[in-house]
Amino acid sequence: MFLLAAKGLGVDPTNCLLIEDSSYGVQGGKAAGMTVIGYAALAAPATLQAAGADHIVASMSEVSDLIEEMIISAAAGSGVE
């Protein structure tokens, strides 16, 4: 499903960021090669982490902060200012 979505958007799965709240979804996203944020509002953070989530958040407000940090980190690593 995740590979099909990426293909439909014309995006390489390795350039996708998936927000997922189930361990099976995390596993599927990782198998597709995506970066996965585990959304632990209803699921246990340890379960999502064990499934392979790259990051864990407890609220959607944390998602925007995390994405901002990821963008800044990527820009710093590429030499872009």
Protein backbone atom coordinates (compact mmCIF):
# COMPACT_ATOMS: atom_id res chain seq x y z
CA MET A 1 0.00 0.00 0.00
CA PHE A 2 2.76 2.45 0.93
CA LEU A 3 4.79 1.64 -2.19
CA LEU A 4 1.69 2.14 -4.33
CA ALA A 5 1.02 5.51 -2.72
CA ALA A 6 4.60 6.66 -3.31
CA LYS A 7 4.49 5.45 -6.91
CA GLY A 8 1.18 7.25 -7.47
CA LEU A 9 2.75 10.47 -6.22
CA GLY A 10 5.86 9.91 -8.30
CA VAL A 11 8.06 9.99 -5.21
CA ASP A 12 10.82 7.57 -4.25
CA PRO A 13 9.76 5.83 -1.01
CA THR A 14 13.10 6.75 0.57
CA ASN A 15 12.00 10.39 0.26
CA CYS A 16 8.71 9.76 2.08
CA LEU A 17 7.84 10.51 5.68
CA LEU A 18 5.10 8.30 7.12
CA ILE A 19 3.18 9.01 10.32
CA GLU A 20 1.75 5.75 11.62
CA ASP A 21 -0.03 4.70 14.80
CA SER A 22 0.16 0.91 14.54
CA SER A 23 3.06 -1.49 14.74
CA TYR A 24 1.98 -3.17 11.49
CA GLY A 25 1.89 0.20 9.74
CA VAL A 26 5.35 1.06 11.08
CA GLN A 27 6.67 -2.28 9.82
CA GLY A 28 5.09 -1.71 6.41
CA GLY A 29 6.52 1.77 6.10
CA LYS A 30 9.99 0.61 7.07
CA ALA A 31 9.75 -2.32 4.63
CA ALA A 32 8.90 0.24 1.93
CA GLY A 33 12.06 2.17 2.80
CA MET A 34 10.29 5.16 4.32
CA THR A 35 11.19 7.23 7.36
CA VAL A 36 8.49 6.49 9.93
CA ILE A 37 7.22 8.60 12.80
CA GLY A 38 5.38 6.47 15.34
CA TYR A 39 2.31 8.33 16.62
CA ALA A 40 1.86 7.07 20.16
CA ALA A 41 -1.37 8.80 21.14
CA LEU A 42 -3.13 5.45 21.44
CA ALA A 43 -0.32 2.92 20.97
CA ALA A 44 2.48 2.20 23.42
CA PRO A 45 5.66 4.04 22.39
CA ALA A 46 7.75 0.92 23.08
CA THR A 47 5.58 -1.10 20.67
CA LEU A 48 6.09 1.41 17.86
CA GLN A 49 9.79 1.64 18.58
CA ALA A 50 10.12 -2.16 18.57
CA ALA A 51 8.35 -2.20 15.20
CA GLY A 52 11.10 0.05 13.82
CA ALA A 53 9.79 3.61 14.06
CA ASP A 54 12.55 6.14 13.45
CA HIS A 55 10.95 8.68 15.78
CA ILE A 56 8.16 8.56 18.36
CA VAL A 57 5.71 11.38 19.14
CA ALA A 58 2.80 11.51 21.56
CA SER A 59 0.86 14.36 19.94
CA MET A 60 0.41 15.92 16.54
CA SER A 61 1.93 19.16 17.80
CA GLU A 62 5.17 17.24 18.29
CA VAL A 63 5.07 16.18 14.63
CA SER A 64 5.53 19.70 13.27
CA ASP A 65 8.40 20.36 15.69
CA LEU A 66 10.08 17.10 14.68
CA ILE A 67 9.68 17.79 10.95
CA GLU A 68 11.14 21.27 11.43
CA GLU A 69 14.14 19.75 13.23
CA MET A 70 14.56 17.19 10.43
CA ILE A 71 14.52 19.91 7.77
CA ILE A 72 17.06 22.02 9.65
CA SER A 73 19.29 18.99 10.18
CA ALA A 74 19.09 17.99 6.51
CA ALA A 75 19.89 21.52 5.39
CA ALA A 76 22.87 21.71 7.75
CA GLY A 77 24.16 18.39 6.44
CA SER A 78 23.87 19.49 2.82
CA GLY A 79 25.64 22.80 3.32
CA VAL A 80 22.50 24.77 2.36
CA GLU A 81 21.86 27.91 4.37
